[in-house]
Protein backbone atom coordinates (compact mmCIF):
# COMPACT_ATOMS: atom_id res chain seq x y z
CA MET A 1 -16.04 -45.28 24.93
CA ASP A 2 -16.41 -41.95 26.69
CA GLN A 3 -15.11 -39.64 23.91
CA PRO A 4 -17.62 -38.36 21.34
CA ASN A 5 -16.92 -39.55 17.83
CA PHE A 6 -17.29 -36.41 15.76
CA ASP A 7 -14.70 -34.51 13.77
CA GLU A 8 -12.70 -31.50 14.84
CA PRO A 9 -14.49 -28.14 14.75
CA ASP A 10 -14.80 -26.36 11.41
CA ALA A 11 -13.25 -23.26 12.98
CA HIS A 12 -10.14 -25.27 13.80
CA VAL A 13 -9.87 -26.59 10.25
CA MET A 14 -10.31 -23.07 8.79
CA MET A 15 -7.69 -21.57 11.10
CA ARG A 16 -5.27 -24.44 10.51
CA HIS A 17 -5.49 -23.79 6.76
CA ALA A 18 -5.11 -20.04 7.31
CA LYS A 19 -2.08 -20.71 9.54
CA SER A 20 -0.46 -22.82 6.82
CA ILE A 21 -1.08 -20.11 4.23
CA MET A 22 0.30 -17.39 6.52
CA ARG A 23 3.38 -19.52 7.27
CA PHE A 24 3.97 -20.07 3.54
CA LEU A 25 3.60 -16.35 2.75
CA LEU A 26 5.95 -15.46 5.61
CA ILE A 27 8.59 -17.88 4.31
CA VAL A 28 8.23 -16.53 0.77
CA ALA A 29 8.55 -12.94 2.01
CA LEU A 30 11.70 -13.76 3.99
CA ILE A 31 13.29 -15.60 1.05
CA ALA A 32 12.30 -12.79 -1.34
CA THR A 33 13.85 -10.21 0.99
CA SER A 34 17.12 -12.13 1.10
CA VAL A 35 17.24 -12.68 -2.66
CA LEU A 36 16.35 -9.06 -3.41
CA LEU A 37 19.01 -7.82 -1.01
CA LEU A 38 21.59 -9.73 -3.04
CA PHE A 39 20.41 -8.99 -6.57
CA LEU A 40 18.19 -5.88 -6.52
CA PRO A 41 18.78 -3.84 -3.34
CA PRO A 42 16.42 -0.93 -4.25
CA ALA A 43 13.48 -3.37 -4.29
CA ALA A 44 14.38 -5.34 -1.14
CA TYR A 45 12.13 -3.21 1.03
CA LEU A 46 9.07 -4.43 -0.90
CA ALA A 47 9.30 -7.96 0.45
CA ALA A 48 10.56 -6.73 3.83
CA LEU A 49 7.46 -4.54 4.31
CA ALA A 50 5.22 -7.60 4.30
CA VAL A 51 7.20 -9.53 6.96
CA PRO A 52 5.90 -7.71 10.10
CA ALA A 53 2.30 -7.75 8.87
CA LEU A 54 2.52 -11.43 7.95
CA PHE A 55 4.13 -12.26 11.28
CA LEU A 56 1.38 -10.47 13.22
CA GLY A 57 -1.22 -12.22 11.07
CA PHE A 58 0.46 -15.57 11.74
CA VAL A 59 0.46 -14.95 15.50
CA PHE A 60 -3.23 -13.92 15.43
CA VAL A 61 -4.25 -16.95 13.36
CA SER A 62 -2.20 -19.26 15.61
CA TYR A 63 -4.05 -17.90 18.64
CA LEU A 64 -7.41 -18.44 16.96
CA GLU A 65 -6.38 -21.95 15.90
CA ARG A 66 -5.39 -22.85 19.45
CA GLN A 67 -8.70 -21.50 20.83
CA SER A 68 -10.72 -23.56 18.35
CA GLN A 69 -9.28 -26.98 19.15
CA ALA A 70 -11.74 -29.69 20.12
CA LYS A 71 -10.06 -30.24 23.49
CA VAL A 72 -10.62 -26.56 24.34
CA LEU A 73 -14.20 -26.31 23.05
CA ARG A 74 -15.65 -29.66 24.04
CA ARG A 75 -16.30 -31.26 27.38
CA LYS A 76 -15.28 -34.83 28.09
CA ASN A 77 -18.66 -36.54 27.58
CA GLN A 78 -20.16 -34.17 25.05
CA SER A 79 -22.42 -35.97 22.57
CA LYS A 80 -23.18 -33.18 20.09
CA ILE A 81 -21.83 -29.84 18.95
CA SER A 82 -22.56 -27.04 21.42
CA GLN A 83 -24.07 -23.67 20.53
CA ASN A 84 -20.77 -22.03 21.56
CA GLU A 85 -18.92 -24.10 18.97
CA VAL A 86 -21.47 -23.26 16.29
CA GLU A 87 -21.09 -19.53 17.03
CA MET A 88 -17.31 -19.85 16.92
CA ASP A 89 -17.45 -21.70 13.58
CA VAL A 90 -19.65 -18.97 12.09
CA GLN A 91 -17.47 -16.17 13.49
CA TYR A 92 -14.25 -17.81 12.27
CA ALA A 93 -15.73 -18.22 8.79
CA GLY A 94 -16.06 -14.42 8.68
CA ILE A 95 -12.54 -13.95 10.02
CA SER A 96 -11.14 -16.41 7.49
CA THR A 97 -12.92 -14.57 4.66
CA ALA A 98 -11.60 -11.21 5.85
CA ILE A 99 -8.02 -12.55 6.03
CA ALA A 100 -8.27 -14.12 2.56
CA LEU A 101 -9.74 -10.94 1.10
CA THR A 102 -6.96 -8.82 2.62
CA VAL A 103 -4.22 -11.15 1.36
CA PHE A 104 -5.69 -11.30 -2.16
CA LEU A 105 -6.12 -7.53 -2.34
CA GLY A 106 -2.58 -6.99 -1.08
CA LEU A 107 -1.05 -9.42 -3.58
CA GLY A 108 -3.18 -8.07 -6.42
CA THR A 109 -2.29 -4.45 -5.76
CA PHE A 110 1.41 -5.32 -5.46
CA ILE A 111 1.35 -7.16 -8.80
CA LEU A 112 -0.54 -4.28 -10.42
CA ALA A 113 1.91 -1.72 -9.04
CA ALA A 114 4.92 -3.81 -10.11
CA THR A 115 3.65 -3.99 -13.68
CA LEU A 116 2.74 -0.30 -13.95
CA VAL A 117 5.76 1.37 -12.36
CA ASP A 118 9.26 1.24 -13.82
CA ASP A 119 11.11 2.62 -10.78
CA TRP A 120 11.30 -0.09 -8.07
CA SER A 121 11.70 2.51 -5.36
CA MET A 122 8.14 3.73 -6.11
CA VAL A 123 6.39 0.35 -6.30
CA GLY A 124 5.70 0.19 -2.57
CA MET A 125 4.04 3.59 -2.48
CA VAL A 126 1.96 2.84 -5.58
CA ALA A 127 0.94 -0.55 -4.17
CA ALA A 128 -0.14 1.09 -0.89
CA ILE A 129 -2.20 3.67 -2.79
CA PHE A 130 -3.82 0.94 -4.90
CA PHE A 131 -4.53 -1.12 -1.78
CA LEU A 132 -6.20 1.82 -0.02
CA LEU A 133 -8.12 2.67 -3.18
CA SER A 134 -9.36 -0.92 -3.54
CA ILE A 135 -10.41 -0.98 0.13
CA PHE A 136 -12.23 2.32 -0.38
CA LEU A 137 -13.99 1.07 -3.51
CA LEU A 138 -14.88 -2.30 -1.97
CA PHE A 139 -15.82 -0.91 1.45
CA PRO A 140 -19.59 -1.29 0.94
CA TYR A 141 -19.13 -4.89 -0.25
CA ILE A 142 -16.58 -6.21 2.28
CA PRO A 143 -19.16 -6.64 5.08
CA LEU A 144 -21.43 -8.40 2.59
CA PHE A 145 -18.66 -10.89 1.70
CA ILE A 146 -18.05 -11.58 5.37
CA GLU A 147 -21.76 -11.85 6.18
CA GLU A 148 -22.29 -14.25 3.25
CA ALA A 149 -19.43 -16.48 4.45
CA GLU A 150 -20.94 -16.53 7.95
CA HIS A 151 -24.40 -17.29 6.53
CA ASP A 152 -23.01 -20.15 4.41
CA GLU A 153 -21.22 -21.63 7.43
CA SER A 154 -24.38 -21.32 9.53
CA ASP A 155 -26.46 -23.05 6.85
CA LYS A 156 -23.86 -25.81 6.54
CA LEU A 157 -23.83 -26.41 10.29
CA GLN A 158 -27.62 -26.39 10.46
CA HIS A 159 -27.79 -28.92 7.62
CA GLU A 160 -25.19 -31.12 9.33
CA ALA A 161 -27.12 -30.94 12.61
CA GLU A 162 -30.32 -32.04 10.88
CA TYR A 163 -28.52 -34.80 9.00
CA HIS A 164 -26.72 -36.17 12.07
CA GLU A 165 -29.70 -35.88 14.40
CA GLU A 166 -30.16 -39.02 16.44
CA PRO A 167 -33.32 -41.00 15.66
CA LYS A 168 -36.06 -40.88 18.29
CA VAL A 169 -37.00 -44.20 19.80
């Protein structure tokens, strides 16, 4: 048995989940654009605005997912996780947190704008202003969120390395 028997990298799992979420959001945005074009044309641009950003996010996450596969990161007879893989897992935890934070802020500001504004032609502008305002207000904390996610991933990997350490004979 020449293949190591350890799971796929955490970075790959994180990016696979992010890719699934981005794919789902892209499908929802395309369906919403079509439905809004039929029933509420002045608001159709709202869903259509998200499509290019979601598509670029999907392409970026797909690239990261492909780069984090075990067959790319690991050599044939590798017996433990390399330092390169650990660094990638920690870095991708920060990227995953940044993507999730951006998606949640975007959805939250859109929902807030949709509930506050009566004219659908103004919702996009109000949502963009709310999004920029939330980024401005959270700017000092965003790096802390990302750093905390990276620190948690690093601690998890260190704990797993200690737990799975081979006994000395």
